[in-house]
Amino acid sequence: MPLAQGLFFALRAGLVISCKTLFQQLVGRYYGGLDRAIGLCINRLLKYLQQLKAQGLAIVIVLGLGYLF
């Protein structure tokens, strides 16, 4: 993940970010609701954080709203 994208998450720590917002900011095009690109990226990031056993770093899935970083 490029540094600019990492900063996107860091600057919004503690806020729920919708899939639509993530998609538009990170992919750069309109999110129609059917694309699984964000979900797949979040899954990979979750696995990576688990491998690192990173303390204090978490992503929480907020059903119907988005992701909490």
PDB file of N, CA and C in Angstrom:
ATOM      1  N   MET A   1       0.851  -1.170   0.000  1.00  0.00           N
ATOM      2  CA  MET A   1       0.000   0.000   0.000  1.00  0.00           C
ATOM      3  C   MET A   1       0.899   1.236   0.000  1.00  0.00           C
ATOM      4  N   PRO A   2       0.690   2.147  -0.923  1.00  0.00           N
ATOM      5  CA  PRO A   2       1.481   3.378  -0.945  1.00  0.00           C
ATOM      6  C   PRO A   2       1.297   4.197   0.327  1.00  0.00           C
ATOM      7  N   LEU A   3       2.318   4.982   0.651  1.00  0.00           N
ATOM      8  CA  LEU A   3       2.299   5.784   1.874  1.00  0.00           C
ATOM      9  C   LEU A   3       1.082   6.699   1.935  1.00  0.00           C
ATOM     10  N   ALA A   4       0.724   7.307   0.822  1.00  0.00           N
ATOM     11  CA  ALA A   4      -0.424   8.226   0.814  1.00  0.00           C
ATOM     12  C   ALA A   4      -1.701   7.516   1.245  1.00  0.00           C
ATOM     13  N   GLN A   5      -1.862   6.255   0.847  1.00  0.00           N
ATOM     14  CA  GLN A   5      -3.048   5.505   1.250  1.00  0.00           C
ATOM     15  C   GLN A   5      -2.986   5.170   2.730  1.00  0.00           C
ATOM     16  N   GLY A   6      -1.807   4.860   3.237  1.00  0.00           N
ATOM     17  CA  GLY A   6      -1.649   4.610   4.667  1.00  0.00           C
ATOM     18  C   GLY A   6      -1.992   5.841   5.476  1.00  0.00           C
ATOM     19  N   LEU A   7      -1.616   7.004   4.974  1.00  0.00           N
ATOM     20  CA  LEU A   7      -1.956   8.253   5.652  1.00  0.00           C
ATOM     21  C   LEU A   7      -3.461   8.494   5.649  1.00  0.00           C
ATOM     22  N   PHE A   8      -4.122   8.077   4.590  1.00  0.00           N
ATOM     23  CA  PHE A   8      -5.581   8.206   4.521  1.00  0.00           C
ATOM     24  C   PHE A   8      -6.218   7.515   5.722  1.00  0.00           C
ATOM     25  N   PHE A   9      -5.754   6.314   6.037  1.00  0.00           N
ATOM     26  CA  PHE A   9      -6.287   5.575   7.183  1.00  0.00           C
ATOM     27  C   PHE A   9      -5.864   6.215   8.495  1.00  0.00           C
ATOM     28  N   ALA A  10      -4.614   6.597   8.597  1.00  0.00           N
ATOM     29  CA  ALA A  10      -4.090   7.164   9.847  1.00  0.00           C
ATOM     30  C   ALA A  10      -4.807   8.462  10.216  1.00  0.00           C
ATOM     31  N   LEU A  11      -5.092   9.285   9.240  1.00  0.00           N
ATOM     32  CA  LEU A  11      -5.760  10.561   9.507  1.00  0.00           C
ATOM     33  C   LEU A  11      -7.221  10.384   9.913  1.00  0.00           C
ATOM     34  N   ARG A  12      -7.761   9.202   9.676  1.00  0.00           N
ATOM     35  CA  ARG A  12      -9.164   8.936  10.004  1.00  0.00           C
ATOM     36  C   ARG A  12      -9.308   7.880  11.099  1.00  0.00           C
ATOM     37  N   ALA A  13      -8.261   7.696  11.872  1.00  0.00           N
ATOM     38  CA  ALA A  13      -8.298   6.709  12.961  1.00  0.00           C
ATOM     39  C   ALA A  13      -9.438   7.033  13.917  1.00  0.00           C
ATOM     40  N   GLY A  14     -10.197   6.015  14.274  1.00  0.00           N
ATOM     41  CA  GLY A  14     -11.322   6.199  15.188  1.00  0.00           C
ATOM     42  C   GLY A  14     -12.625   6.557  14.506  1.00  0.00           C
ATOM     43  N   LEU A  15     -12.601   6.704  13.190  1.00  0.00           N
ATOM     44  CA  LEU A  15     -13.812   7.037  12.434  1.00  0.00           C
ATOM     45  C   LEU A  15     -14.232   5.851  11.577  1.00  0.00           C
ATOM     46  N   VAL A  16     -15.519   5.660  11.416  1.00  0.00           N
ATOM     47  CA  VAL A  16     -16.015   4.630  10.508  1.00  0.00           C
ATOM     48  C   VAL A  16     -15.956   5.203   9.098  1.00  0.00           C
ATOM     49  N   ILE A  17     -15.311   4.469   8.194  1.00  0.00           N
ATOM     50  CA  ILE A  17     -15.177   4.903   6.801  1.00  0.00           C
ATOM     51  C   ILE A  17     -15.999   3.953   5.943  1.00  0.00           C
ATOM     52  N   SER A  18     -16.883   4.501   5.143  1.00  0.00           N
ATOM     53  CA  SER A  18     -17.747   3.669   4.303  1.00  0.00           C
ATOM     54  C   SER A  18     -16.958   3.049   3.155  1.00  0.00           C
ATOM     55  N   CYS A  19     -17.492   1.955   2.628  1.00  0.00           N
ATOM     56  CA  CYS A  19     -16.876   1.310   1.465  1.00  0.00           C
ATOM     57  C   CYS A  19     -16.839   2.270   0.283  1.00  0.00           C
ATOM     58  N   LYS A  20     -17.895   3.047   0.138  1.00  0.00           N
ATOM     59  CA  LYS A  20     -17.974   4.011  -0.966  1.00  0.00           C
ATOM     60  C   LYS A  20     -16.831   5.021  -0.881  1.00  0.00           C
ATOM     61  N   THR A  21     -16.598   5.573   0.308  1.00  0.00           N
ATOM     62  CA  THR A  21     -15.520   6.549   0.497  1.00  0.00           C
ATOM     63  C   THR A  21     -14.165   5.912   0.247  1.00  0.00           C
ATOM     64  N   LEU A  22     -13.937   4.725   0.812  1.00  0.00           N
ATOM     65  CA  LEU A  22     -12.668   4.030   0.600  1.00  0.00           C
ATOM     66  C   LEU A  22     -12.425   3.780  -0.876  1.00  0.00           C
ATOM     67  N   PHE A  23     -13.438   3.283  -1.556  1.00  0.00           N
ATOM     68  CA  PHE A  23     -13.304   2.961  -2.968  1.00  0.00           C
ATOM     69  C   PHE A  23     -12.969   4.200  -3.788  1.00  0.00           C
ATOM     70  N   GLN A  24     -13.705   5.277  -3.555  1.00  0.00           N
ATOM     71  CA  GLN A  24     -13.476   6.502  -4.324  1.00  0.00           C
ATOM     72  C   GLN A  24     -12.101   7.093  -4.045  1.00  0.00           C
ATOM     73  N   GLN A  25     -11.648   7.062  -2.800  1.00  0.00           N
ATOM     74  CA  GLN A  25     -10.353   7.639  -2.448  1.00  0.00           C
ATOM     75  C   GLN A  25      -9.183   6.776  -2.917  1.00  0.00           C
ATOM     76  N   LEU A  26      -9.310   5.458  -2.791  1.00  0.00           N
ATOM     77  CA  LEU A  26      -8.187   4.572  -3.077  1.00  0.00           C
ATOM     78  C   LEU A  26      -8.151   4.066  -4.507  1.00  0.00           C
ATOM     79  N   VAL A  27      -9.313   3.864  -5.117  1.00  0.00           N
ATOM     80  CA  VAL A  27      -9.367   3.362  -6.486  1.00  0.00           C
ATOM     81  C   VAL A  27      -9.527   4.518  -7.472  1.00  0.00           C
ATOM     82  N   GLY A  28     -10.237   5.558  -7.038  1.00  0.00           N
ATOM     83  CA  GLY A  28     -10.352   6.746  -7.866  1.00  0.00           C
ATOM     84  C   GLY A  28     -11.521   6.757  -8.829  1.00  0.00           C
ATOM     85  N   ARG A  29     -12.506   5.903  -8.599  1.00  0.00           N
ATOM     86  CA  ARG A  29     -13.689   5.939  -9.457  1.00  0.00           C
ATOM     87  C   ARG A  29     -14.935   5.683  -8.624  1.00  0.00           C
ATOM     88  N   TYR A  30     -16.081   5.862  -9.242  1.00  0.00           N
ATOM     89  CA  TYR A  30     -17.368   5.709  -8.553  1.00  0.00           C
ATOM     90  C   TYR A  30     -17.557   4.275  -8.063  1.00  0.00           C
ATOM     91  N   TYR A  31     -18.105   4.133  -6.874  1.00  0.00           N
ATOM     92  CA  TYR A  31     -18.398   2.823  -6.290  1.00  0.00           C
ATOM     93  C   TYR A  31     -19.865   2.507  -6.491  1.00  0.00           C
ATOM     94  N   GLY A  32     -20.141   1.448  -7.232  1.00  0.00           N
ATOM     95  CA  GLY A  32     -21.519   1.071  -7.509  1.00  0.00           C
ATOM     96  C   GLY A  32     -22.124   0.101  -6.512  1.00  0.00           C
ATOM     97  N   GLY A  33     -21.341  -0.357  -5.547  1.00  0.00           N
ATOM     98  CA  GLY A  33     -21.855  -1.239  -4.510  1.00  0.00           C
ATOM     99  C   GLY A  33     -21.619  -2.716  -4.741  1.00  0.00           C
ATOM    100  N   LEU A  34     -21.215  -3.101  -5.937  1.00  0.00           N
ATOM    101  CA  LEU A  34     -21.023  -4.517  -6.227  1.00  0.00           C
ATOM    102  C   LEU A  34     -19.555  -4.932  -6.259  1.00  0.00           C
ATOM    103  N   ASP A  35     -18.660  -4.003  -6.319  1.00  0.00           N
ATOM    104  CA  ASP A  35     -17.233  -4.303  -6.422  1.00  0.00           C
ATOM    105  C   ASP A  35     -16.694  -4.789  -5.081  1.00  0.00           C
ATOM    106  N   ARG A  36     -15.960  -5.893  -5.091  1.00  0.00           N
ATOM    107  CA  ARG A  36     -15.413  -6.471  -3.866  1.00  0.00           C
ATOM    108  C   ARG A  36     -13.955  -6.080  -3.635  1.00  0.00           C
ATOM    109  N   ALA A  37     -13.424  -5.149  -4.414  1.00  0.00           N
ATOM    110  CA  ALA A  37     -12.015  -4.773  -4.307  1.00  0.00           C
ATOM    111  C   ALA A  37     -11.649  -4.297  -2.906  1.00  0.00           C
ATOM    112  N   ILE A  38     -12.468  -3.463  -2.296  1.00  0.00           N
ATOM    113  CA  ILE A  38     -12.162  -2.935  -0.961  1.00  0.00           C
ATOM    114  C   ILE A  38     -12.200  -4.056   0.071  1.00  0.00           C
ATOM    115  N   GLY A  39     -13.214  -4.902   0.010  1.00  0.00           N
ATOM    116  CA  GLY A  39     -13.310  -6.023   0.945  1.00  0.00           C
ATOM    117  C   GLY A  39     -12.105  -6.940   0.868  1.00  0.00           C
ATOM    118  N   LEU A  40     -11.638  -7.207  -0.343  1.00  0.00           N
ATOM    119  CA  LEU A  40     -10.463  -8.060  -0.516  1.00  0.00           C
ATOM    120  C   LEU A  40      -9.208  -7.391   0.037  1.00  0.00           C
ATOM    121  N   CYS A  41      -9.056  -6.102  -0.206  1.00  0.00           N
ATOM    122  CA  CYS A  41      -7.896  -5.369   0.328  1.00  0.00           C
ATOM    123  C   CYS A  41      -7.918  -5.343   1.855  1.00  0.00           C
ATOM    124  N   ILE A  42      -9.077  -5.119   2.436  1.00  0.00           N
ATOM    125  CA  ILE A  42      -9.199  -5.094   3.894  1.00  0.00           C
ATOM    126  C   ILE A  42      -8.870  -6.471   4.464  1.00  0.00           C
ATOM    127  N   ASN A  43      -9.342  -7.535   3.806  1.00  0.00           N
ATOM    128  CA  ASN A  43      -9.025  -8.892   4.252  1.00  0.00           C
ATOM    129  C   ASN A  43      -7.523  -9.142   4.255  1.00  0.00           C
ATOM    130  N   ARG A  44      -6.852  -8.739   3.190  1.00  0.00           N
ATOM    131  CA  ARG A  44      -5.389  -8.903   3.119  1.00  0.00           C
ATOM    132  C   ARG A  44      -4.697  -8.110   4.216  1.00  0.00           C
ATOM    133  N   LEU A  45      -5.163  -6.906   4.448  1.00  0.00           N
ATOM    134  CA  LEU A  45      -4.580  -6.062   5.485  1.00  0.00           C
ATOM    135  C   LEU A  45      -4.798  -6.673   6.871  1.00  0.00           C
ATOM    136  N   LEU A  46      -5.976  -7.231   7.117  1.00  0.00           N
ATOM    137  CA  LEU A  46      -6.254  -7.899   8.392  1.00  0.00           C
ATOM    138  C   LEU A  46      -5.311  -9.079   8.613  1.00  0.00           C
ATOM    139  N   LYS A  47      -5.103  -9.886   7.580  1.00  0.00           N
ATOM    140  CA  LYS A  47      -4.187 -11.031   7.686  1.00  0.00           C
ATOM    141  C   LYS A  47      -2.766 -10.562   7.959  1.00  0.00           C
ATOM    142  N   TYR A  48      -2.359  -9.496   7.285  1.00  0.00           N
ATOM    143  CA  TYR A  48      -1.014  -8.952   7.481  1.00  0.00           C
ATOM    144  C   TYR A  48      -0.834  -8.460   8.916  1.00  0.00           C
ATOM    145  N   LEU A  49      -1.818  -7.744   9.447  1.00  0.00           N
ATOM    146  CA  LEU A  49      -1.739  -7.256  10.826  1.00  0.00           C
ATOM    147  C   LEU A  49      -1.696  -8.413  11.820  1.00  0.00           C
ATOM    148  N   GLN A  50      -2.417  -9.497  11.532  1.00  0.00           N
ATOM    149  CA  GLN A  50      -2.383 -10.670  12.405  1.00  0.00           C
ATOM    150  C   GLN A  50      -1.004 -11.314  12.397  1.00  0.00           C
ATOM    151  N   GLN A  51      -0.375 -11.375  11.227  1.00  0.00           N
ATOM    152  CA  GLN A  51       0.969 -11.949  11.125  1.00  0.00           C
ATOM    153  C   GLN A  51       1.974 -11.122  11.908  1.00  0.00           C
ATOM    154  N   LEU A  52       1.818  -9.807  11.871  1.00  0.00           N
ATOM    155  CA  LEU A  52       2.730  -8.919  12.598  1.00  0.00           C
ATOM    156  C   LEU A  52       2.478  -8.941  14.099  1.00  0.00           C
ATOM    157  N   LYS A  53       1.289  -9.424  14.480  1.00  0.00           N
ATOM    158  CA  LYS A  53       0.859  -9.374  15.880  1.00  0.00           C
ATOM    159  C   LYS A  53       0.983  -7.945  16.404  1.00  0.00           C
ATOM    160  N   ALA A  54       0.521  -7.025  15.567  1.00  0.00           N
ATOM    161  CA  ALA A  54       0.622  -5.594  15.861  1.00  0.00           C
ATOM    162  C   ALA A  54      -0.302  -5.217  17.013  1.00  0.00           C
ATOM    163  N   GLN A  55       0.276  -4.697  18.067  1.00  0.00           N
ATOM    164  CA  GLN A  55      -0.498  -4.265  19.229  1.00  0.00           C
ATOM    165  C   GLN A  55      -1.142  -2.906  18.945  1.00  0.00           C
ATOM    166  N   GLY A  56      -2.409  -2.782  19.235  1.00  0.00           N
ATOM    167  CA  GLY A  56      -3.087  -1.502  19.086  1.00  0.00           C
ATOM    168  C   GLY A  56      -3.519  -1.170  17.668  1.00  0.00           C
ATOM    169  N   LEU A  57      -3.200  -2.034  16.710  1.00  0.00           N
ATOM    170  CA  LEU A  57      -3.633  -1.807  15.331  1.00  0.00           C
ATOM    171  C   LEU A  57      -4.761  -2.772  15.026  1.00  0.00           C
ATOM    172  N   ALA A  58      -5.888  -2.233  14.652  1.00  0.00           N
ATOM    173  CA  ALA A  58      -7.032  -3.091  14.372  1.00  0.00           C
ATOM    174  C   ALA A  58      -7.934  -2.446  13.334  1.00  0.00           C
ATOM    175  N   ILE A  59      -8.633  -3.295  12.636  1.00  0.00           N
ATOM    176  CA  ILE A  59      -9.669  -2.857  11.712  1.00  0.00           C
ATOM    177  C   ILE A  59     -10.934  -3.581  12.141  1.00  0.00           C
ATOM    178  N   VAL A  60     -11.962  -2.832  12.418  1.00  0.00           N
ATOM    179  CA  VAL A  60     -13.233  -3.410  12.849  1.00  0.00           C
ATOM    180  C   VAL A  60     -14.238  -3.222  11.722  1.00  0.00           C
ATOM    181  N   ILE A  61     -14.903  -4.315  11.351  1.00  0.00           N
ATOM    182  CA  ILE A  61     -15.949  -4.243  10.339  1.00  0.00           C
ATOM    183  C   ILE A  61     -17.241  -3.828  11.037  1.00  0.00           C
ATOM    184  N   VAL A  62     -17.793  -2.704  10.618  1.00  0.00           N
ATOM    185  CA  VAL A  62     -19.052  -2.204  11.175  1.00  0.00           C
ATOM    186  C   VAL A  62     -20.128  -2.499  10.130  1.00  0.00           C
ATOM    187  N   LEU A  63     -20.894  -3.552  10.390  1.00  0.00           N
ATOM    188  CA  LEU A  63     -21.874  -4.014   9.404  1.00  0.00           C
ATOM    189  C   LEU A  63     -22.819  -2.900   8.970  1.00  0.00           C
ATOM    190  N   GLY A  64     -22.948  -2.780   7.660  1.00  0.00           N
ATOM    191  CA  GLY A  64     -23.851  -1.792   7.093  1.00  0.00           C
ATOM    192  C   GLY A  64     -23.291  -0.381   7.011  1.00  0.00           C
ATOM    193  N   LEU A  65     -22.132  -0.146   7.641  1.00  0.00           N
ATOM    194  CA  LEU A  65     -21.557   1.205   7.642  1.00  0.00           C
ATOM    195  C   LEU A  65     -20.196   1.277   6.967  1.00  0.00           C
ATOM    196  N   GLY A  66     -19.301   0.353   7.271  1.00  0.00           N
ATOM    197  CA  GLY A  66     -17.968   0.394   6.694  1.00  0.00           C
ATOM    198  C   GLY A  66     -16.933  -0.208   7.623  1.00  0.00           C
ATOM    199  N   TYR A  67     -15.798   0.467   7.737  1.00  0.00           N
ATOM    200  CA  TYR A  67     -14.666  -0.039   8.507  1.00  0.00           C
ATOM    201  C   TYR A  67     -14.188   1.019   9.487  1.00  0.00           C
ATOM    202  N   LEU A  68     -13.809   0.563  10.672  1.00  0.00           N
ATOM    203  CA  LEU A  68     -13.277   1.430  11.714  1.00  0.00           C
ATOM    204  C   LEU A  68     -11.802   1.095  11.869  1.00  0.00           C
ATOM    205  N   PHE A  69     -10.937   2.097  11.709  1.00  0.00           N
ATOM    206  CA  PHE A  69      -9.486   1.892  11.794  1.00  0.00           C
ATOM    207  C   PHE A  69      -8.958   2.462  13.086  1.00  0.00           C
TER     208      PHE A  69
END
